[in-house]
């Protein structure tokens, strides 16, 4: 079991995370935004929104709890077709992932999630987490979206404009 942290320790860690994320944004042109959760929200929550190449935007949410930092990235909406094959692909990819796993979330959307003990959190580890989630989504997204929405990618009379925009779908749902 990981150690519970009191409010003072969490306040210090929150300030550290604020500083680390500000540095990431300043030093990385891929980072489009770093922001906090809703002001009225009692959770200590941040999001890091990054420009992707395969997916327009990838947002990594970070939530600081008393024992762990939880992180997640929205990957894609629930598949419209080939769901069993897509879920099998996700389970097989989970075998190779370290520190994160694909999961089914709200409205059956696909997420990439993980958790790290607060005592193991430092700037390098936060950078690794954000970079790993970004790289995994970028690598996985094209095959996953084409499998889960296959009929949208079939060539219908040479019009591929809709295909390209559907494939690069951002994470507006998050």
Protein backbone atom coordinates (compact mmCIF):
# COMPACT_ATOMS: atom_id res chain seq x y z
CA UNK A 1 0.00 0.00 0.00
CA UNK A 2 1.28 3.47 -0.80
CA UNK A 3 1.68 6.12 1.87
CA UNK A 4 -1.12 8.55 2.59
CA UNK A 5 -0.10 12.21 2.33
CA UNK A 6 -1.51 15.03 4.41
CA UNK A 7 -2.77 18.35 3.00
CA UNK A 8 0.58 20.11 3.47
CA UNK A 9 2.46 17.43 1.52
CA UNK A 10 -0.19 17.50 -1.21
CA UNK A 11 0.02 21.30 -1.37
CA UNK A 12 3.79 21.06 -1.94
CA UNK A 13 3.36 18.38 -4.59
CA UNK A 14 0.65 20.45 -6.26
CA UNK A 15 3.04 23.42 -6.46
CA UNK A 16 5.76 21.15 -7.86
CA UNK A 17 3.41 19.82 -10.54
CA UNK A 18 2.33 23.37 -11.45
CA UNK A 19 5.99 24.33 -11.92
CA UNK A 20 6.93 21.19 -13.84
CA UNK A 21 3.98 21.59 -16.22
CA UNK A 22 4.78 25.26 -16.79
CA UNK A 23 8.29 24.20 -17.78
CA UNK A 24 6.93 21.52 -20.13
CA UNK A 25 4.72 24.07 -21.86
CA UNK A 26 7.50 26.61 -22.22
CA UNK A 27 10.00 24.08 -23.55
CA UNK A 28 7.87 21.93 -25.85
CA UNK A 29 6.14 23.27 -28.97
CA UNK A 30 3.85 20.21 -29.09
CA UNK A 31 2.16 21.34 -25.86
CA UNK A 32 -0.79 23.55 -26.84
CA UNK A 33 -2.14 24.18 -23.33
CA UNK A 34 -1.66 23.31 -19.69
CA UNK A 35 -4.59 24.13 -17.47
CA UNK A 36 -6.28 23.21 -14.21
CA UNK A 37 -9.64 21.59 -13.54
CA UNK A 38 -12.68 23.67 -12.69
CA UNK A 39 -11.99 26.22 -9.91
CA UNK A 40 -14.98 25.00 -7.88
CA UNK A 41 -13.75 21.42 -8.19
CA UNK A 42 -12.11 20.16 -5.01
CA UNK A 43 -9.89 17.78 -7.00
CA UNK A 44 -6.30 18.71 -7.74
CA UNK A 45 -6.52 18.23 -11.48
CA UNK A 46 -4.61 19.38 -14.55
CA UNK A 47 -4.76 18.77 -18.24
CA UNK A 48 -1.98 18.88 -20.80
CA UNK A 49 -3.26 19.33 -24.35
CA UNK A 50 -0.79 18.43 -27.09
CA UNK A 51 -0.87 18.67 -30.87
CA UNK A 52 -0.62 15.27 -32.50
CA UNK A 53 0.39 14.11 -35.92
CA UNK A 54 -1.93 11.09 -36.18
CA UNK A 55 -4.63 12.59 -33.96
CA UNK A 56 -5.29 16.33 -33.96
CA UNK A 57 -5.04 16.71 -30.19
CA UNK A 58 -4.17 14.44 -27.30
CA UNK A 59 -5.14 15.54 -23.82
CA UNK A 60 -3.59 13.95 -20.75
CA UNK A 61 -5.55 14.48 -17.53
CA UNK A 62 -3.66 14.32 -14.23
CA UNK A 63 -5.47 13.94 -10.89
CA UNK A 64 -3.53 14.15 -7.64
CA UNK A 65 -4.97 12.03 -4.83
CA UNK A 66 -3.79 11.40 -1.28
CA UNK A 67 -1.72 8.40 -2.35
CA UNK A 68 -1.38 8.45 -6.13
CA UNK A 69 -1.31 10.53 -9.26
CA UNK A 70 -3.88 9.16 -11.70
CA UNK A 71 -3.48 9.93 -15.38
CA UNK A 72 -5.56 9.30 -18.45
CA UNK A 73 -5.84 10.22 -22.09
CA UNK A 74 -8.98 9.99 -24.21
CA UNK A 75 -8.17 7.86 -27.26
CA UNK A 76 -11.39 7.46 -29.25
CA UNK A 77 -15.17 7.10 -28.96
CA UNK A 78 -16.86 3.73 -28.61
CA UNK A 79 -16.37 1.69 -31.79
CA UNK A 80 -19.33 1.56 -34.16
CA UNK A 81 -18.21 -1.77 -35.61
CA UNK A 82 -15.62 -4.52 -35.13
CA UNK A 83 -15.83 -3.98 -31.37
CA UNK A 84 -14.69 -7.49 -30.43
CA UNK A 85 -11.63 -7.25 -32.69
CA UNK A 86 -10.80 -3.77 -31.36
CA UNK A 87 -11.09 -4.87 -27.72
CA UNK A 88 -8.89 -7.88 -28.45
CA UNK A 89 -6.31 -5.57 -30.01
CA UNK A 90 -6.41 -3.34 -26.92
CA UNK A 91 -5.93 -6.28 -24.56
CA UNK A 92 -2.96 -7.46 -26.61
CA UNK A 93 -1.46 -3.96 -26.55
CA UNK A 94 -1.95 -3.84 -22.76
CA UNK A 95 0.46 -6.77 -22.49
CA UNK A 96 3.26 -4.57 -23.87
CA UNK A 97 2.47 -1.37 -21.97
CA UNK A 98 4.27 -0.34 -18.79
CA UNK A 99 2.57 2.05 -16.37
CA UNK A 100 -0.61 2.43 -18.40
CA UNK A 101 -3.43 0.34 -19.85
CA UNK A 102 -6.27 0.76 -22.30
CA UNK A 103 -9.67 0.92 -20.63
CA UNK A 104 -13.31 1.40 -21.52
CA UNK A 105 -14.73 4.52 -19.92
CA UNK A 106 -17.76 6.79 -20.02
CA UNK A 107 -20.10 6.02 -22.93
CA UNK A 108 -17.80 3.09 -23.80
CA UNK A 109 -15.09 5.44 -25.06
CA UNK A 110 -11.51 4.14 -25.10
CA UNK A 111 -9.02 5.67 -22.67
CA UNK A 112 -5.39 5.08 -21.80
CA UNK A 113 -5.02 5.15 -18.00
CA UNK A 114 -2.47 4.65 -15.28
CA UNK A 115 -1.49 5.51 -11.74
CA UNK A 116 1.75 6.30 -9.92
CA UNK A 117 2.44 6.52 -6.16
CA UNK A 118 2.96 10.14 -5.12
CA UNK A 119 6.24 9.22 -3.44
CA UNK A 120 7.63 8.15 -6.86
CA UNK A 121 6.55 11.38 -8.58
CA UNK A 122 9.21 13.81 -9.76
CA UNK A 123 9.71 15.98 -12.84
CA UNK A 124 11.39 13.25 -14.89
CA UNK A 125 8.66 10.74 -14.04
CA UNK A 126 5.90 13.20 -14.95
CA UNK A 127 7.67 13.87 -18.26
CA UNK A 128 7.89 10.11 -18.89
CA UNK A 129 4.18 9.65 -18.14
CA UNK A 130 3.03 12.45 -20.42
CA UNK A 131 5.43 11.44 -23.19
CA UNK A 132 4.50 7.77 -22.96
CA UNK A 133 0.77 8.43 -23.16
CA UNK A 134 1.30 10.81 -26.08
CA UNK A 135 3.45 8.30 -27.97
CA UNK A 136 1.10 5.39 -27.31
CA UNK A 137 -1.97 7.29 -28.52
CA UNK A 138 -0.12 8.52 -31.61
CA UNK A 139 1.05 5.00 -32.41
CA UNK A 140 -2.25 3.22 -31.71
CA UNK A 141 -4.87 5.68 -32.90
CA UNK A 142 -4.76 5.16 -36.71
CA UNK A 143 -5.24 1.39 -36.60
CA UNK A 144 -7.82 1.60 -33.81
CA UNK A 145 -9.98 4.25 -35.48
CA UNK A 146 -9.88 2.46 -38.84
CA UNK A 147 -10.96 -0.80 -37.16
CA UNK A 148 -13.68 0.71 -34.98
CA UNK A 149 -15.08 2.90 -37.77
CA UNK A 150 -14.16 0.82 -40.83
CA UNK A 151 -17.16 1.73 -42.96
CA UNK A 152 -16.31 5.43 -42.72
CA UNK A 153 -12.95 4.76 -44.36
CA UNK A 154 -14.20 2.80 -47.33
CA UNK A 155 -13.73 4.71 -50.55
CA UNK A 156 -17.12 5.93 -51.75
CA UNK A 157 -16.70 7.38 -55.21
CA UNK A 158 -13.26 8.84 -54.64
CA UNK A 159 -14.29 11.27 -51.89
CA UNK A 160 -11.64 10.89 -49.23
CA UNK A 161 -12.09 14.30 -47.59
CA UNK A 162 -14.50 12.88 -44.99
CA UNK A 163 -12.16 9.94 -44.37
CA UNK A 164 -9.22 12.15 -43.47
CA UNK A 165 -11.23 14.38 -41.14
CA UNK A 166 -12.82 11.40 -39.41
CA UNK A 167 -9.47 9.72 -38.84
CA UNK A 168 -7.77 12.76 -37.35
CA UNK A 169 -10.67 13.39 -34.95
CA UNK A 170 -9.48 15.30 -31.94
CA UNK A 171 -10.56 14.61 -28.40
CA UNK A 172 -13.42 17.07 -28.23
CA UNK A 173 -15.31 14.64 -26.01
CA UNK A 174 -12.71 15.31 -23.32
